[in-house]
Protein backbone atom coordinates (compact mmCIF):
# COMPACT_ATOMS: atom_id res chain seq x y z
CA UNK A 1 -190.92 119.75 -136.81
CA UNK A 2 -192.85 122.80 -138.55
CA UNK A 3 -191.82 126.23 -138.94
CA UNK A 4 -192.88 128.03 -135.96
CA UNK A 5 -191.02 125.44 -133.78
CA UNK A 6 -188.48 126.28 -135.57
CA UNK A 7 -188.84 129.81 -135.45
CA UNK A 8 -189.11 129.51 -131.81
CA UNK A 9 -185.76 127.34 -131.43
CA UNK A 10 -184.52 130.49 -133.67
CA UNK A 11 -186.17 132.97 -131.36
CA UNK A 12 -184.15 131.41 -128.16
CA UNK A 13 -180.95 131.29 -129.40
CA UNK A 14 -180.87 134.97 -130.81
CA UNK A 15 -181.87 135.65 -127.32
CA UNK A 16 -179.30 133.53 -125.33
CA UNK A 17 -176.88 135.54 -127.81
CA UNK A 18 -177.87 138.88 -127.24
CA UNK A 19 -177.90 138.37 -123.34
CA UNK A 20 -175.04 136.81 -123.12
CA UNK A 21 -173.77 140.12 -125.09
CA UNK A 22 -175.36 142.37 -123.49
CA UNK A 23 -174.29 141.50 -120.05
CA UNK A 24 -170.61 140.71 -121.16
CA UNK A 25 -170.88 145.32 -122.57
CA UNK A 26 -171.38 146.04 -119.59
CA UNK A 27 -168.59 144.16 -117.97
CA UNK A 28 -166.45 145.55 -120.64
CA UNK A 29 -167.80 149.35 -120.28
CA UNK A 30 -167.95 149.79 -117.06
CA UNK A 31 -164.38 149.68 -115.91
CA UNK A 32 -162.87 151.22 -118.97
CA UNK A 33 -165.49 154.42 -117.26
CA UNK A 34 -165.43 154.46 -114.05
CA UNK A 35 -162.18 153.42 -112.84
CA UNK A 36 -159.56 156.31 -113.05
CA UNK A 37 -156.84 154.18 -114.37
CA UNK A 38 -158.30 153.25 -117.41
CA UNK A 39 -158.88 156.82 -118.71
CA UNK A 40 -155.34 156.82 -120.34
CA UNK A 41 -155.02 158.03 -123.58
CA UNK A 42 -153.51 155.94 -126.70
CA UNK A 43 -151.44 157.13 -129.10
CA UNK A 44 -153.20 158.75 -131.74
CA UNK A 45 -156.48 156.99 -130.99
CA UNK A 46 -158.13 156.88 -127.65
CA UNK A 47 -159.72 153.15 -127.67
CA UNK A 48 -160.75 153.47 -124.05
CA UNK A 49 -163.56 155.80 -125.17
CA UNK A 50 -163.97 154.84 -129.18
CA UNK A 51 -164.34 151.00 -127.18
CA UNK A 52 -166.97 152.57 -124.05
CA UNK A 53 -169.10 154.50 -126.43
CA UNK A 54 -168.99 150.71 -128.55
CA UNK A 55 -169.48 149.04 -126.30
CA UNK A 56 -172.76 150.89 -124.44
CA UNK A 57 -173.96 151.10 -127.41
CA UNK A 58 -173.79 147.16 -128.55
CA UNK A 59 -174.94 146.96 -125.71
CA UNK A 60 -178.77 148.63 -125.81
CA UNK A 61 -178.89 147.21 -129.42
CA UNK A 62 -178.44 144.00 -128.05
CA UNK A 63 -181.54 144.58 -125.44
CA UNK A 64 -183.93 146.21 -128.04
CA UNK A 65 -183.24 143.70 -130.51
CA UNK A 66 -183.76 140.82 -127.85
CA UNK A 67 -186.83 142.15 -127.81
CA UNK A 68 -188.26 142.89 -130.41
CA UNK A 69 -186.88 139.18 -131.75
CA UNK A 70 -189.15 138.14 -129.03
CA UNK A 71 -192.17 140.55 -129.86
CA UNK A 72 -192.23 139.93 -133.22
CA UNK A 73 -192.33 136.09 -132.42
CA UNK A 74 -194.81 136.00 -129.75
CA UNK A 75 -196.93 139.26 -130.05
CA UNK A 76 -196.82 140.10 -133.42
CA UNK A 77 -200.55 141.93 -133.00
CA UNK A 78 -199.06 144.24 -130.08
CA UNK A 79 -196.07 144.84 -131.28
CA UNK A 80 -196.66 146.72 -134.28
CA UNK A 81 -199.36 148.85 -134.64
CA UNK A 82 -200.51 151.97 -136.16
CA UNK A 83 -198.28 154.15 -133.77
CA UNK A 84 -195.16 152.37 -132.58
CA UNK A 85 -194.17 150.73 -136.52
CA UNK A 86 -193.16 153.04 -137.97
CA UNK A 87 -190.93 154.13 -134.53
CA UNK A 88 -190.17 151.04 -134.56
CA UNK A 89 -188.26 150.55 -137.44
CA UNK A 90 -186.87 154.04 -136.33
CA UNK A 91 -185.39 152.75 -133.03
CA UNK A 92 -183.90 149.52 -135.00
CA UNK A 93 -181.73 152.07 -137.49
CA UNK A 94 -180.64 153.71 -134.99
CA UNK A 95 -179.15 151.67 -133.21
CA UNK A 96 -177.59 149.58 -135.28
CA UNK A 97 -175.99 152.79 -136.46
CA UNK A 98 -174.98 154.32 -133.08
CA UNK A 99 -172.61 150.69 -133.25
CA UNK A 100 -171.34 151.68 -136.64
CA UNK A 101 -170.27 155.74 -135.83
CA UNK A 102 -169.42 154.92 -132.29
CA UNK A 103 -165.86 153.90 -133.59
CA UNK A 104 -165.84 157.23 -135.40
CA UNK A 105 -166.73 159.99 -133.41
CA UNK A 106 -164.28 160.11 -130.76
CA UNK A 107 -161.60 162.16 -129.55
CA UNK A 108 -159.31 162.88 -125.95
CA UNK A 109 -160.43 162.62 -122.93
CA UNK A 110 -161.63 166.48 -122.27
CA UNK A 111 -164.13 166.03 -125.02
CA UNK A 112 -165.72 162.88 -124.24
CA UNK A 113 -169.14 164.79 -123.34
CA UNK A 114 -168.88 166.47 -126.07
CA UNK A 115 -168.07 163.46 -128.61
CA UNK A 116 -171.04 160.95 -127.68
CA UNK A 117 -173.87 164.08 -127.19
CA UNK A 118 -172.81 164.66 -131.13
CA UNK A 119 -172.89 160.83 -132.29
CA UNK A 120 -176.01 160.19 -130.70
CA UNK A 121 -177.56 163.94 -132.46
CA UNK A 122 -176.23 162.56 -135.60
CA UNK A 123 -177.11 158.86 -135.84
CA UNK A 124 -180.75 160.49 -134.89
CA UNK A 125 -180.65 162.93 -137.36
CA UNK A 126 -180.03 160.76 -140.07
CA UNK A 127 -182.05 158.30 -139.38
CA UNK A 128 -184.84 160.15 -138.89
CA UNK A 129 -186.20 160.55 -143.15
CA UNK A 130 -187.35 156.83 -142.02
CA UNK A 131 -190.46 157.93 -140.09
CA UNK A 132 -191.75 158.97 -143.52
CA UNK A 133 -191.60 155.49 -145.08
CA UNK A 134 -194.99 154.71 -146.08
CA UNK A 135 -196.96 153.65 -142.75
CA UNK A 136 -199.15 150.53 -144.65
CA UNK A 137 -196.33 149.71 -146.17
CA UNK A 138 -194.70 149.23 -142.80
CA UNK A 139 -197.39 146.43 -142.24
CA UNK A 140 -196.28 144.47 -144.99
CA UNK A 141 -192.89 143.93 -144.62
CA UNK A 142 -191.12 147.42 -143.32
CA UNK A 143 -189.98 150.33 -145.67
CA UNK A 144 -190.49 151.87 -148.61
CA UNK A 145 -187.81 150.35 -151.66
CA UNK A 146 -186.54 153.84 -151.92
CA UNK A 147 -186.34 154.33 -147.27
CA UNK A 148 -184.46 150.68 -147.31
CA UNK A 149 -182.11 151.93 -149.91
CA UNK A 150 -181.36 154.86 -147.72
CA UNK A 151 -181.55 152.65 -145.34
CA UNK A 152 -178.24 151.25 -146.30
CA UNK A 153 -176.14 153.56 -147.04
CA UNK A 154 -176.50 154.84 -144.02
CA UNK A 155 -175.65 151.72 -142.20
CA UNK A 156 -173.39 150.03 -144.95
CA UNK A 157 -171.69 153.09 -147.50
CA UNK A 158 -171.54 155.93 -144.61
CA UNK A 159 -169.48 154.00 -142.26
CA UNK A 160 -167.12 152.18 -145.09
CA UNK A 161 -165.96 155.56 -146.39
CA UNK A 162 -165.57 156.82 -142.82
CA UNK A 163 -163.26 154.15 -141.65
CA UNK A 164 -161.33 154.47 -145.01
CA UNK A 165 -160.96 157.54 -144.45
CA UNK A 166 -160.24 157.79 -140.34
CA UNK A 167 -158.20 154.87 -140.88
CA UNK A 168 -155.87 156.63 -144.02
CA UNK A 169 -155.55 159.84 -141.82
CA UNK A 170 -154.14 157.58 -138.85
CA UNK A 171 -151.97 155.55 -141.39
CA UNK A 172 -150.47 158.67 -142.69
CA UNK A 173 -149.91 160.67 -139.20
CA UNK A 174 -148.32 157.13 -138.13
CA UNK A 175 -145.87 157.35 -141.02
CA UNK A 176 -145.24 160.75 -140.62
CA UNK A 177 -144.04 160.93 -137.14
CA UNK A 178 -141.69 158.07 -137.72
CA UNK A 179 -140.07 159.64 -140.06
CA UNK A 180 -140.00 163.00 -137.69
CA UNK A 181 -138.44 160.45 -135.39
CA UNK A 182 -136.06 158.58 -136.34
CA UNK A 183 -133.37 161.20 -137.18
CA UNK A 184 -133.88 162.70 -134.29
CA UNK A 185 -133.38 159.39 -132.24
CA UNK A 186 -131.95 156.87 -134.24
CA UNK A 187 -133.53 153.99 -132.34
CA UNK A 188 -134.48 152.07 -135.15
CA UNK A 189 -136.23 149.63 -132.50
CA UNK A 190 -138.30 152.41 -130.98
CA UNK A 191 -139.24 153.26 -133.54
CA UNK A 192 -140.21 149.91 -135.22
CA UNK A 193 -142.08 149.59 -131.90
CA UNK A 194 -143.69 152.66 -132.21
CA UNK A 195 -145.76 151.66 -135.85
CA UNK A 196 -146.45 148.57 -134.91
CA UNK A 197 -148.65 149.40 -132.06
CA UNK A 198 -150.25 152.37 -134.39
CA UNK A 199 -150.63 149.42 -137.29
CA UNK A 200 -151.65 147.10 -134.62
CA UNK A 201 -154.50 148.99 -133.23
CA UNK A 202 -155.92 149.54 -137.31
CA UNK A 203 -155.91 145.87 -137.42
CA UNK A 204 -158.30 145.89 -134.70
CA UNK A 205 -160.15 148.50 -135.24
CA UNK A 206 -160.77 146.83 -138.94
CA UNK A 207 -161.82 143.84 -137.25
CA UNK A 208 -164.45 145.54 -134.96
CA UNK A 209 -166.20 147.37 -137.76
CA UNK A 210 -165.41 144.13 -140.37
CA UNK A 211 -167.62 141.55 -138.17
CA UNK A 212 -170.42 143.84 -137.51
CA UNK A 213 -170.02 145.09 -140.85
CA UNK A 214 -170.80 141.81 -141.83
CA UNK A 215 -172.75 140.78 -139.84
CA UNK A 216 -175.51 142.88 -140.16
CA UNK A 217 -174.95 144.47 -144.50
CA UNK A 218 -176.26 141.38 -144.95
CA UNK A 219 -179.66 142.49 -142.93
CA UNK A 220 -180.16 145.19 -144.75
CA UNK A 221 -179.57 144.06 -148.44
CA UNK A 222 -182.00 140.94 -148.03
CA UNK A 223 -184.87 144.19 -146.67
CA UNK A 224 -184.12 146.27 -150.17
CA UNK A 225 -184.11 142.89 -151.96
CA UNK A 226 -187.18 141.66 -149.83
CA UNK A 227 -189.70 145.18 -149.43
CA UNK A 228 -192.85 143.30 -150.43
CA UNK A 229 -191.57 140.75 -147.48
CA UNK A 230 -192.42 137.85 -150.52
CA UNK A 231 -188.98 137.05 -151.60
CA UNK A 232 -187.75 135.25 -148.29
CA UNK A 233 -189.50 132.83 -146.29
CA UNK A 234 -190.13 133.71 -142.97
CA UNK A 235 -187.85 130.88 -141.52
CA UNK A 236 -184.86 131.75 -143.79
CA UNK A 237 -185.24 134.98 -142.50
CA UNK A 238 -184.93 134.01 -139.33
CA UNK A 239 -182.25 132.17 -139.34
CA UNK A 240 -180.56 134.91 -140.83
CA UNK A 241 -180.95 137.25 -138.25
CA UNK A 242 -178.43 135.07 -136.39
CA UNK A 243 -175.70 136.59 -138.13
CA UNK A 244 -176.09 139.48 -136.46
CA UNK A 245 -176.22 138.43 -132.67
CA UNK A 246 -172.95 136.34 -133.94
CA UNK A 247 -171.08 139.80 -134.67
CA UNK A 248 -171.85 141.30 -131.47
CA UNK A 249 -170.39 137.92 -129.55
CA UNK A 250 -167.60 137.56 -131.53
CA UNK A 251 -166.43 141.70 -131.38
CA UNK A 252 -167.35 141.09 -127.01
CA UNK A 253 -165.24 138.36 -127.48
CA UNK A 254 -162.44 140.34 -129.44
CA UNK A 255 -162.90 143.26 -127.01
CA UNK A 256 -161.94 141.22 -123.83
CA UNK A 257 -159.24 139.37 -125.46
CA UNK A 258 -157.51 142.72 -127.00
CA UNK A 259 -157.96 144.51 -123.98
CA UNK A 260 -154.96 142.64 -121.79
CA UNK A 261 -154.57 145.10 -119.12
CA UNK A 262 -158.75 145.59 -118.51
CA UNK A 263 -158.29 141.12 -118.75
CA UNK A 264 -155.43 140.89 -115.94
CA UNK A 265 -158.15 143.28 -113.66
CA UNK A 266 -161.10 141.54 -113.96
CA UNK A 267 -159.35 138.32 -113.13
CA UNK A 268 -157.70 139.57 -110.12
CA UNK A 269 -161.34 141.24 -109.14
CA UNK A 270 -162.30 137.80 -109.34
CA UNK A 271 -159.67 135.88 -107.31
CA UNK A 272 -159.97 138.41 -104.33
CA UNK A 273 -163.71 137.55 -104.39
CA UNK A 274 -162.76 133.81 -104.36
CA UNK A 275 -159.67 134.70 -101.28
CA UNK A 276 -162.36 136.88 -99.02
CA UNK A 277 -165.46 134.36 -99.66
CA UNK A 278 -163.12 131.46 -98.50
CA UNK A 279 -161.44 133.27 -95.66
CA UNK A 280 -164.56 134.31 -94.55
């Protein structure tokens, strides 16, 4: 089996994984957005809004990357032109940032539109400098070294700092709330349950971020190391690109496992459809 055949197999695997991510993310996000029973805010975090934004961004990211992988492998001269080279890299940077920053731009139900709009504007603005990279270098391996480092910072460093700050604020708020409730109530069971719920939610958010971070950031580190396009074999690079696809899939599965109410709702809907089919 030669290198080209291996690359084709890897591209097919990535396209299948990303297709599953697109379907699953839509299946997850649509009920959260359109069914009123899922619009209840959780304590300290409006997880439904946050996760819906995350899943919509993940779906967009998966769809873009699926097209990107296939076109890059089979229709390179059609995809990479003087007019499209830098915009493609800009779009790639934007959609990855959308997934990461969707975990931080959230509020309550009243502020959904403002939060989503702010996220899109912010992510678009921080990705704009990539369009100033050298066009000639774009045809060789992508962005110039200084711009690759910039992308690594906005995708790896800044989100990690935001996660630490956000979770620190939430943890401190949870502790203060617990201290206020305990003297008034005196019920240790209620206080303990409150704290465990917040900690479990924090762990879940950290897990989503960590999985996506570990799947995508190594690729941008490699982009910095291989900025001239000659340090890593093309086949190896295609193999490593499976990591981001798997990270999206793992996050999707985790969200379905975590969201018990949504999982039960989808199960009941499927069960009702089977009953209706049998009845008819």
